[in-house]
Full PDB file with SEQRES, HELIX, SHEET, SSBOND, CRYST1, ORIGX, SCALE, CONECT and MASTER records, all heavy atoms in Angstrom:
SEQRES   1 A   33  ASN GLY TYR LEU ARG TYR LEU SER HIS ARG GLN ASP LEU          
SEQRES   2 A   33  LEU THR ALA ARG ILE THR ASN LEU LYS GLU GLN ALA LYS          
SEQRES   3 A   33  THR VAL GLN ALA GLU LEU ARG                                  
HELIX    1 AA1 TYR A    3  LEU A   32  1                                  30    
CRYST1    1.000    1.000    1.000  90.00  90.00  90.00 P 1           1          
ORIGX1      1.000000  0.000000  0.000000        0.00000                         
ORIGX2      0.000000  1.000000  0.000000        0.00000                         
ORIGX3      0.000000  0.000000  1.000000        0.00000                         
SCALE1      1.000000  0.000000  0.000000        0.00000                         
SCALE2      0.000000  1.000000  0.000000        0.00000                         
SCALE3      0.000000  0.000000  1.000000        0.00000                         
ATOM      1  N   ASN A   1       0.811  -1.217   0.000  1.00  0.00           N  
ATOM      2  CA  ASN A   1       0.000   0.000   0.000  1.00  0.00           C  
ATOM      3  C   ASN A   1       0.846   1.270   0.000  1.00  0.00           C  
ATOM      4  O   ASN A   1       0.314   2.364   0.012  1.00  0.00           O  
ATOM      5  CB  ASN A   1      -0.945   0.015   1.205  1.00  0.00           C  
ATOM      6  CG  ASN A   1      -2.017  -1.045   1.088  1.00  0.00           C  
ATOM      7  OD1 ASN A   1      -2.416  -1.402  -0.007  1.00  0.00           O  
ATOM      8  ND2 ASN A   1      -2.469  -1.546   2.209  1.00  0.00           N  
ATOM      9  N   GLY A   2       2.132   1.143   0.057  1.00  0.00           N  
ATOM     10  CA  GLY A   2       3.004   2.293  -0.053  1.00  0.00           C  
ATOM     11  C   GLY A   2       3.394   2.946   1.258  1.00  0.00           C  
ATOM     12  O   GLY A   2       4.043   3.985   1.254  1.00  0.00           O  
ATOM     13  N   TYR A   3       3.015   2.369   2.387  1.00  0.00           N  
ATOM     14  CA  TYR A   3       3.336   2.995   3.663  1.00  0.00           C  
ATOM     15  C   TYR A   3       4.836   3.007   3.917  1.00  0.00           C  
ATOM     16  O   TYR A   3       5.378   3.993   4.412  1.00  0.00           O  
ATOM     17  CB  TYR A   3       2.602   2.294   4.811  1.00  0.00           C  
ATOM     18  CG  TYR A   3       2.763   2.977   6.132  1.00  0.00           C  
ATOM     19  CD1 TYR A   3       2.265   4.255   6.331  1.00  0.00           C  
ATOM     20  CD2 TYR A   3       3.441   2.371   7.178  1.00  0.00           C  
ATOM     21  CE1 TYR A   3       2.422   4.906   7.540  1.00  0.00           C  
ATOM     22  CE2 TYR A   3       3.606   3.004   8.388  1.00  0.00           C  
ATOM     23  CZ  TYR A   3       3.095   4.267   8.572  1.00  0.00           C  
ATOM     24  OH  TYR A   3       3.256   4.911   9.766  1.00  0.00           O  
ATOM     25  N   LEU A   4       5.503   1.929   3.532  1.00  0.00           N  
ATOM     26  CA  LEU A   4       6.953   1.877   3.712  1.00  0.00           C  
ATOM     27  C   LEU A   4       7.643   2.908   2.826  1.00  0.00           C  
ATOM     28  O   LEU A   4       8.605   3.549   3.256  1.00  0.00           O  
ATOM     29  CB  LEU A   4       7.469   0.472   3.406  1.00  0.00           C  
ATOM     30  CG  LEU A   4       8.900   0.171   3.810  1.00  0.00           C  
ATOM     31  CD1 LEU A   4       9.082   0.373   5.310  1.00  0.00           C  
ATOM     32  CD2 LEU A   4       9.266  -1.248   3.437  1.00  0.00           C  
ATOM     33  N   ARG A   5       7.127   3.095   1.610  1.00  0.00           N  
ATOM     34  CA  ARG A   5       7.676   4.142   0.735  1.00  0.00           C  
ATOM     35  C   ARG A   5       7.456   5.514   1.353  1.00  0.00           C  
ATOM     36  O   ARG A   5       8.326   6.382   1.274  1.00  0.00           O  
ATOM     37  CB  ARG A   5       7.033   4.076  -0.647  1.00  0.00           C  
ATOM     38  CG  ARG A   5       7.570   2.968  -1.521  1.00  0.00           C  
ATOM     39  CD  ARG A   5       7.082   3.140  -2.944  1.00  0.00           C  
ATOM     40  NE  ARG A   5       5.632   3.230  -3.014  1.00  0.00           N  
ATOM     41  CZ  ARG A   5       4.827   2.243  -3.393  1.00  0.00           C  
ATOM     42  NH1 ARG A   5       5.338   1.095  -3.749  1.00  0.00           N  
ATOM     43  NH2 ARG A   5       3.523   2.413  -3.419  1.00  0.00           N  
ATOM     44  N   TYR A   6       6.291   5.699   1.971  1.00  0.00           N  
ATOM     45  CA  TYR A   6       5.992   6.965   2.643  1.00  0.00           C  
ATOM     46  C   TYR A   6       7.000   7.214   3.773  1.00  0.00           C  
ATOM     47  O   TYR A   6       7.539   8.312   3.896  1.00  0.00           O  
ATOM     48  CB  TYR A   6       4.566   6.952   3.196  1.00  0.00           C  
ATOM     49  CG  TYR A   6       4.290   8.034   4.199  1.00  0.00           C  
ATOM     50  CD1 TYR A   6       4.080   9.349   3.787  1.00  0.00           C  
ATOM     51  CD2 TYR A   6       4.252   7.759   5.563  1.00  0.00           C  
ATOM     52  CE1 TYR A   6       3.839  10.350   4.709  1.00  0.00           C  
ATOM     53  CE2 TYR A   6       4.008   8.758   6.491  1.00  0.00           C  
ATOM     54  CZ  TYR A   6       3.804  10.049   6.052  1.00  0.00           C  
ATOM     55  OH  TYR A   6       3.570  11.037   6.967  1.00  0.00           O  
ATOM     56  N   LEU A   7       7.265   6.192   4.579  1.00  0.00           N  
ATOM     57  CA  LEU A   7       8.225   6.343   5.670  1.00  0.00           C  
ATOM     58  C   LEU A   7       9.620   6.658   5.132  1.00  0.00           C  
ATOM     59  O   LEU A   7      10.314   7.520   5.676  1.00  0.00           O  
ATOM     60  CB  LEU A   7       8.271   5.076   6.529  1.00  0.00           C  
ATOM     61  CG  LEU A   7       7.060   4.785   7.409  1.00  0.00           C  
ATOM     62  CD1 LEU A   7       7.252   3.467   8.145  1.00  0.00           C  
ATOM     63  CD2 LEU A   7       6.824   5.911   8.393  1.00  0.00           C  
ATOM     64  N   SER A   8      10.018   5.978   4.081  1.00  0.00           N  
ATOM     65  CA  SER A   8      11.334   6.227   3.486  1.00  0.00           C  
ATOM     66  C   SER A   8      11.431   7.649   2.952  1.00  0.00           C  
ATOM     67  O   SER A   8      12.448   8.328   3.132  1.00  0.00           O  
ATOM     68  CB  SER A   8      11.604   5.244   2.349  1.00  0.00           C  
ATOM     69  OG  SER A   8      11.673   3.941   2.844  1.00  0.00           O  
ATOM     70  N   HIS A   9      10.371   8.091   2.294  1.00  0.00           N  
ATOM     71  CA  HIS A   9      10.341   9.445   1.753  1.00  0.00           C  
ATOM     72  C   HIS A   9      10.438  10.474   2.874  1.00  0.00           C  
ATOM     73  O   HIS A   9      11.188  11.454   2.766  1.00  0.00           O  
ATOM     74  CB  HIS A   9       9.064   9.648   0.937  1.00  0.00           C  
ATOM     75  CG  HIS A   9       8.960  10.987   0.287  1.00  0.00           C  
ATOM     76  ND1 HIS A   9       9.784  11.389  -0.734  1.00  0.00           N  
ATOM     77  CD2 HIS A   9       8.139  12.026   0.536  1.00  0.00           C  
ATOM     78  CE1 HIS A   9       9.476  12.615  -1.089  1.00  0.00           C  
ATOM     79  NE2 HIS A   9       8.470  13.034  -0.338  1.00  0.00           N  
ATOM     80  N   ARG A  10       9.699  10.267   3.952  1.00  0.00           N  
ATOM     81  CA  ARG A  10       9.747  11.183   5.100  1.00  0.00           C  
ATOM     82  C   ARG A  10      11.143  11.215   5.715  1.00  0.00           C  
ATOM     83  O   ARG A  10      11.648  12.273   6.063  1.00  0.00           O  
ATOM     84  CB  ARG A  10       8.735  10.763   6.175  1.00  0.00           C  
ATOM     85  CG  ARG A  10       7.308  10.983   5.844  1.00  0.00           C  
ATOM     86  CD  ARG A  10       6.833  12.366   6.125  1.00  0.00           C  
ATOM     87  NE  ARG A  10       6.966  12.645   7.557  1.00  0.00           N  
ATOM     88  CZ  ARG A  10       7.092  13.858   8.047  1.00  0.00           C  
ATOM     89  NH1 ARG A  10       7.096  14.887   7.269  1.00  0.00           N  
ATOM     90  NH2 ARG A  10       7.228  14.050   9.340  1.00  0.00           N  
ATOM     91  N   GLN A  11      11.775  10.044   5.836  1.00  0.00           N  
ATOM     92  CA  GLN A  11      13.130   9.995   6.382  1.00  0.00           C  
ATOM     93  C   GLN A  11      14.107  10.769   5.501  1.00  0.00           C  
ATOM     94  O   GLN A  11      14.942  11.511   6.004  1.00  0.00           O  
ATOM     95  CB  GLN A  11      13.603   8.550   6.534  1.00  0.00           C  
ATOM     96  CG  GLN A  11      13.069   7.863   7.754  1.00  0.00           C  
ATOM     97  CD  GLN A  11      13.620   6.457   7.900  1.00  0.00           C  
ATOM     98  OE1 GLN A  11      13.616   5.690   6.946  1.00  0.00           O  
ATOM     99  NE2 GLN A  11      14.075   6.121   9.086  1.00  0.00           N  
ATOM    100  N   ASP A  12      13.984  10.600   4.196  1.00  0.00           N  
ATOM    101  CA  ASP A  12      14.873  11.312   3.272  1.00  0.00           C  
ATOM    102  C   ASP A  12      14.678  12.822   3.382  1.00  0.00           C  
ATOM    103  O   ASP A  12      15.648  13.583   3.391  1.00  0.00           O  
ATOM    104  CB  ASP A  12      14.634  10.856   1.831  1.00  0.00           C  
ATOM    105  CG  ASP A  12      15.032   9.415   1.601  1.00  0.00           C  
ATOM    106  OD1 ASP A  12      15.783   8.861   2.431  1.00  0.00           O  
ATOM    107  OD2 ASP A  12      14.581   8.836   0.591  1.00  0.00           O  
ATOM    108  N   LEU A  13      13.413  13.259   3.461  1.00  0.00           N  
ATOM    109  CA  LEU A  13      13.133  14.688   3.576  1.00  0.00           C  
ATOM    110  C   LEU A  13      13.663  15.258   4.890  1.00  0.00           C  
ATOM    111  O   LEU A  13      14.240  16.350   4.912  1.00  0.00           O  
ATOM    112  CB  LEU A  13      11.633  14.957   3.462  1.00  0.00           C  
ATOM    113  CG  LEU A  13      11.024  14.789   2.077  1.00  0.00           C  
ATOM    114  CD1 LEU A  13       9.511  14.999   2.128  1.00  0.00           C  
ATOM    115  CD2 LEU A  13      11.652  15.770   1.101  1.00  0.00           C  
ATOM    116  N   LEU A  14      13.468  14.533   5.977  1.00  0.00           N  
ATOM    117  CA  LEU A  14      13.958  15.001   7.273  1.00  0.00           C  
ATOM    118  C   LEU A  14      15.482  15.082   7.291  1.00  0.00           C  
ATOM    119  O   LEU A  14      16.052  16.039   7.809  1.00  0.00           O  
ATOM    120  CB  LEU A  14      13.455  14.097   8.403  1.00  0.00           C  
ATOM    121  CG  LEU A  14      11.974  14.228   8.743  1.00  0.00           C  
ATOM    122  CD1 LEU A  14      11.571  13.166   9.766  1.00  0.00           C  
ATOM    123  CD2 LEU A  14      11.649  15.613   9.269  1.00  0.00           C  
ATOM    124  N   THR A  15      16.130  14.092   6.715  1.00  0.00           N  
ATOM    125  CA  THR A  15      17.587  14.087   6.653  1.00  0.00           C  
ATOM    126  C   THR A  15      18.089  15.273   5.828  1.00  0.00           C  
ATOM    127  O   THR A  15      19.049  15.951   6.231  1.00  0.00           O  
ATOM    128  CB  THR A  15      18.098  12.764   6.055  1.00  0.00           C  
ATOM    129  OG1 THR A  15      17.591  11.680   6.834  1.00  0.00           O  
ATOM    130  CG2 THR A  15      19.610  12.715   6.034  1.00  0.00           C  
ATOM    131  N   ALA A  16      17.443  15.537   4.699  1.00  0.00           N  
ATOM    132  CA  ALA A  16      17.844  16.669   3.861  1.00  0.00           C  
ATOM    133  C   ALA A  16      17.623  17.989   4.595  1.00  0.00           C  
ATOM    134  O   ALA A  16      18.471  18.896   4.529  1.00  0.00           O  
ATOM    135  CB  ALA A  16      17.062  16.659   2.553  1.00  0.00           C  
ATOM    136  N   ARG A  17      16.513  18.110   5.310  1.00  0.00           N  
ATOM    137  CA  ARG A  17      16.224  19.348   6.051  1.00  0.00           C  
ATOM    138  C   ARG A  17      17.234  19.549   7.188  1.00  0.00           C  
ATOM    139  O   ARG A  17      17.686  20.670   7.432  1.00  0.00           O  
ATOM    140  CB  ARG A  17      14.799  19.290   6.607  1.00  0.00           C  
ATOM    141  CG  ARG A  17      14.394  20.494   7.392  1.00  0.00           C  
ATOM    142  CD  ARG A  17      14.235  21.713   6.521  1.00  0.00           C  
ATOM    143  NE  ARG A  17      13.833  22.832   7.358  1.00  0.00           N  
ATOM    144  CZ  ARG A  17      14.255  24.073   7.209  1.00  0.00           C  
ATOM    145  NH1 ARG A  17      15.050  24.382   6.217  1.00  0.00           N  
ATOM    146  NH2 ARG A  17      13.865  25.012   8.017  1.00  0.00           N  
ATOM    147  N   ILE A  18      17.610  18.474   7.865  1.00  0.00           N  
ATOM    148  CA  ILE A  18      18.607  18.567   8.941  1.00  0.00           C  
ATOM    149  C   ILE A  18      19.955  19.021   8.369  1.00  0.00           C  
ATOM    150  O   ILE A  18      20.629  19.878   8.946  1.00  0.00           O  
ATOM    151  CB  ILE A  18      18.733  17.230   9.694  1.00  0.00           C  
ATOM    152  CG1 ILE A  18      17.473  16.986  10.540  1.00  0.00           C  
ATOM    153  CG2 ILE A  18      19.974  17.195  10.568  1.00  0.00           C  
ATOM    154  CD1 ILE A  18      17.379  15.597  11.128  1.00  0.00           C  
ATOM    155  N   THR A  19      20.337  18.481   7.232  1.00  0.00           N  
ATOM    156  CA  THR A  19      21.583  18.884   6.579  1.00  0.00           C  
ATOM    157  C   THR A  19      21.541  20.360   6.205  1.00  0.00           C  
ATOM    158  O   THR A  19      22.509  21.096   6.428  1.00  0.00           O  
ATOM    159  CB  THR A  19      21.840  18.027   5.324  1.00  0.00           C  
ATOM    160  OG1 THR A  19      21.853  16.648   5.702  1.00  0.00           O  
ATOM    161  CG2 THR A  19      23.153  18.390   4.658  1.00  0.00           C  
ATOM    162  N   ASN A  20      20.407  20.802   5.675  1.00  0.00           N  
ATOM    163  CA  ASN A  20      20.227  22.208   5.322  1.00  0.00           C  
ATOM    164  C   ASN A  20      20.339  23.096   6.560  1.00  0.00           C  
ATOM    165  O   ASN A  20      20.990  24.149   6.526  1.00  0.00           O  
ATOM    166  CB  ASN A  20      18.873  22.388   4.642  1.00  0.00           C  
ATOM    167  CG  ASN A  20      18.659  23.787   4.115  1.00  0.00           C  
ATOM    168  OD1 ASN A  20      19.534  24.630   4.190  1.00  0.00           O  
ATOM    169  ND2 ASN A  20      17.484  24.039   3.591  1.00  0.00           N  
ATOM    170  N   LEU A  21      19.718  22.673   7.650  1.00  0.00           N  
ATOM    171  CA  LEU A  21      19.776  23.459   8.887  1.00  0.00           C  
ATOM    172  C   LEU A  21      21.193  23.519   9.453  1.00  0.00           C  
ATOM    173  O   LEU A  21      21.602  24.546  10.016  1.00  0.00           O  
ATOM    174  CB  LEU A  21      18.816  22.884   9.924  1.00  0.00           C  
ATOM    175  CG  LEU A  21      17.330  23.156   9.670  1.00  0.00           C  
ATOM    176  CD1 LEU A  21      16.479  22.384  10.663  1.00  0.00           C  
ATOM    177  CD2 LEU A  21      17.026  24.637   9.748  1.00  0.00           C  
ATOM    178  N   LYS A  22      21.950  22.436   9.307  1.00  0.00           N  
ATOM    179  CA  LYS A  22      23.343  22.451   9.771  1.00  0.00           C  
ATOM    180  C   LYS A  22      24.156  23.475   8.989  1.00  0.00           C  
ATOM    181  O   LYS A  22      24.987  24.184   9.564  1.00  0.00           O  
ATOM    182  CB  LYS A  22      23.966  21.063   9.639  1.00  0.00           C  
ATOM    183  CG  LYS A  22      23.494  20.088  10.690  1.00  0.00           C  
ATOM    184  CD  LYS A  22      24.135  18.731  10.531  1.00  0.00           C  
ATOM    185  CE  LYS A  22      23.616  17.778  11.580  1.00  0.00           C  
ATOM    186  NZ  LYS A  22      24.181  16.431  11.445  1.00  0.00           N  
ATOM    187  N   GLU A  23      23.912  23.570   7.691  1.00  0.00           N  
ATOM    188  CA  GLU A  23      24.609  24.567   6.872  1.00  0.00           C  
ATOM    189  C   GLU A  23      24.209  25.984   7.290  1.00  0.00           C  
ATOM    190  O   GLU A  23      25.054  26.868   7.388  1.00  0.00           O  
ATOM    191  CB  GLU A  23      24.313  24.350   5.385  1.00  0.00           C  
ATOM    192  CG  GLU A  23      24.925  23.096   4.816  1.00  0.00           C  
ATOM    193  CD  GLU A  23      26.441  23.080   4.935  1.00  0.00           C  
ATOM    194  OE1 GLU A  23      27.084  24.120   4.667  1.00  0.00           O  
ATOM    195  OE2 GLU A  23      26.994  22.036   5.314  1.00  0.00           O  
ATOM    196  N   GLN A  24      22.912  26.179   7.561  1.00  0.00           N  
ATOM    197  CA  GLN A  24      22.455  27.489   8.028  1.00  0.00           C  
ATOM    198  C   GLN A  24      23.091  27.843   9.367  1.00  0.00           C  
ATOM    199  O   GLN A  24      23.485  28.996   9.593  1.00  0.00           O  
ATOM    200  CB  GLN A  24      20.927  27.509   8.168  1.00  0.00           C  
ATOM    201  CG  GLN A  24      20.185  27.550   6.869  1.00  0.00           C  
ATOM    202  CD  GLN A  24      18.675  27.565   7.089  1.00  0.00           C  
ATOM    203  OE1 GLN A  24      18.192  27.702   8.207  1.00  0.00           O  
ATOM    204  NE2 GLN A  24      17.920  27.425   6.007  1.00  0.00           N  
ATOM    205  N   ALA A  25      23.196  26.859  10.245  1.00  0.00           N  
ATOM    206  CA  ALA A  25      23.806  27.094  11.561  1.00  0.00           C  
ATOM    207  C   ALA A  25      25.264  27.499  11.410  1.00  0.00           C  
ATOM    208  O   ALA A  25      25.740  28.402  12.103  1.00  0.00           O  
ATOM    209  CB  ALA A  25      23.677  25.855  12.437  1.00  0.00           C  
ATOM    210  N   LYS A  26      25.993  26.851  10.495  1.00  0.00           N  
ATOM    211  CA  LYS A  26      27.389  27.220  10.261  1.00  0.00           C  
ATOM    212  C   LYS A  26      27.496  28.659   9.778  1.00  0.00           C  
ATOM    213  O   LYS A  26      28.375  29.406  10.210  1.00  0.00           O  
ATOM    214  CB  LYS A  26      28.024  26.274   9.225  1.00  0.00           C  
ATOM    215  CG  LYS A  26      28.351  24.909   9.746  1.00  0.00           C  
ATOM    216  CD  LYS A  26      28.977  24.079   8.645  1.00  0.00           C  
ATOM    217  CE  LYS A  26      29.183  22.652   9.093  1.00  0.00           C  
ATOM    218  NZ  LYS A  26      29.749  21.812   8.014  1.00  0.00           N  
ATOM    219  N   THR A  27      26.595  29.048   8.883  1.00  0.00           N  
ATOM    220  CA  THR A  27      26.601  30.416   8.360  1.00  0.00           C  
ATOM    221  C   THR A  27      26.332  31.428   9.464  1.00  0.00           C  
ATOM    222  O   THR A  27      27.028  32.446   9.580  1.00  0.00           O  
ATOM    223  CB  THR A  27      25.545  30.558   7.245  1.00  0.00           C  
ATOM    224  OG1 THR A  27      25.822  29.596   6.223  1.00  0.00           O  
ATOM    225  CG2 THR A  27      25.556  31.948   6.646  1.00  0.00           C  
ATOM    226  N   VAL A  28      25.320  31.151  10.280  1.00  0.00           N  
ATOM    227  CA  VAL A  28      24.975  32.071  11.371  1.00  0.00           C  
ATOM    228  C   VAL A  28      26.114  32.136  12.392  1.00  0.00           C  
ATOM    229  O   VAL A  28      26.428  33.216  12.905  1.00  0.00           O  
ATOM    230  CB  VAL A  28      23.639  31.658  12.035  1.00  0.00           C  
ATOM    231  CG1 VAL A  28      23.373  32.466  13.289  1.00  0.00           C  
ATOM    232  CG2 VAL A  28      22.491  31.818  11.056  1.00  0.00           C  
ATOM    233  N   GLN A  29      26.747  31.013  12.677  1.00  0.00           N  
ATOM    234  CA  GLN A  29      27.876  31.015  13.613  1.00  0.00           C  
ATOM    235  C   GLN A  29      29.027  31.856  13.077  1.00  0.00           C  
ATOM    236  O   GLN A  29      29.672  32.588  13.838  1.00  0.00           O  
ATOM    237  CB  GLN A  29      28.341  29.586  13.886  1.00  0.00           C  
ATOM    238  CG  GLN A  29      27.423  28.814  14.795  1.00  0.00           C  
ATOM    239  CD  GLN A  29      27.831  27.357  14.929  1.00  0.00           C  
ATOM    240  OE1 GLN A  29      28.517  26.801  14.073  1.00  0.00           O  
ATOM    241  NE2 GLN A  29      27.396  26.716  16.012  1.00  0.00           N  
ATOM    242  N   ALA A  30      29.288  31.770  11.780  1.00  0.00           N  
ATOM    243  CA  ALA A  30      30.359  32.575  11.183  1.00  0.00           C  
ATOM    244  C   ALA A  30      30.021  34.066  11.281  1.00  0.00           C  
ATOM    245  O   ALA A  30      30.885  34.889  11.612  1.00  0.00           O  
ATOM    246  CB  ALA A  30      30.576  32.166   9.734  1.00  0.00           C  
ATOM    247  N   GLU A  31      28.757  34.409  10.998  1.00  0.00           N  
ATOM    248  CA  GLU A  31      28.325  35.802  11.113  1.00  0.00           C  
ATOM    249  C   GLU A  31      28.438  36.278  12.559  1.00  0.00           C  
ATOM    250  O   GLU A  31      28.857  37.414  12.820  1.00  0.00           O  
ATOM    251  CB  GLU A  31      26.887  35.960  10.634  1.00  0.00           C  
ATOM    252  CG  GLU A  31      26.686  35.762   9.148  1.00  0.00           C  
ATOM    253  CD  GLU A  31      25.219  35.748   8.762  1.00  0.00           C  
ATOM    254  OE1 GLU A  31      24.346  35.947   9.633  1.00  0.00           O  
ATOM    255  OE2 GLU A  31      24.943  35.535   7.568  1.00  0.00           O  
ATOM    256  N   LEU A  32      28.067  35.423  13.475  1.00  0.00           N  
ATOM    257  CA  LEU A  32      28.120  35.771  14.897  1.00  0.00           C  
ATOM    258  C   LEU A  32      29.567  36.013  15.343  1.00  0.00           C  
ATOM    259  O   LEU A  32      29.844  36.955  16.081  1.00  0.00           O  
ATOM    260  CB  LEU A  32      27.469  34.661  15.725  1.00  0.00           C  
ATOM    261  CG  LEU A  32      27.291  34.900  17.210  1.00  0.00           C  
ATOM    262  CD1 LEU A  32      26.463  36.151  17.463  1.00  0.00           C  
ATOM    263  CD2 LEU A  32      26.623  33.702  17.853  1.00  0.00           C  
ATOM    264  N   ARG A  33      30.484  35.177  14.870  1.00  0.00           N  
ATOM    265  CA  ARG A  33      31.900  35.372  15.192  1.00  0.00           C  
ATOM    266  C   ARG A  33      32.399  36.725  14.690  1.00  0.00           C  
ATOM    267  O   ARG A  33      33.125  37.439  15.390  1.00  0.00           O  
ATOM    268  CB  ARG A  33      32.755  34.254  14.580  1.00  0.00           C  
ATOM    269  CG  ARG A  33      32.889  33.070  15.486  1.00  0.00           C  
ATOM    270  CD  ARG A  33      33.904  32.068  14.949  1.00  0.00           C  
ATOM    271  NE  ARG A  33      33.244  30.787  14.878  1.00  0.00           N  
ATOM    272  CZ  ARG A  33      32.845  30.167  13.783  1.00  0.00           C  
ATOM    273  NH1 ARG A  33      33.083  30.670  12.614  1.00  0.00           N  
ATOM    274  NH2 ARG A  33      32.223  29.016  13.839  1.00  0.00           N  
TER     275      ARG A  33                                                      
MASTER        0    0    0    1    0    0    0    6  274    1    0    3          
END                                                                             
């Protein structure tokens, strides 16, 4: 029924968003310094 695909898709999106946020955090830390 696609539930496992849904879970995989959600995991991929969350992982990508976390990576994006880490990059934003690095940028803000550099600006703060």
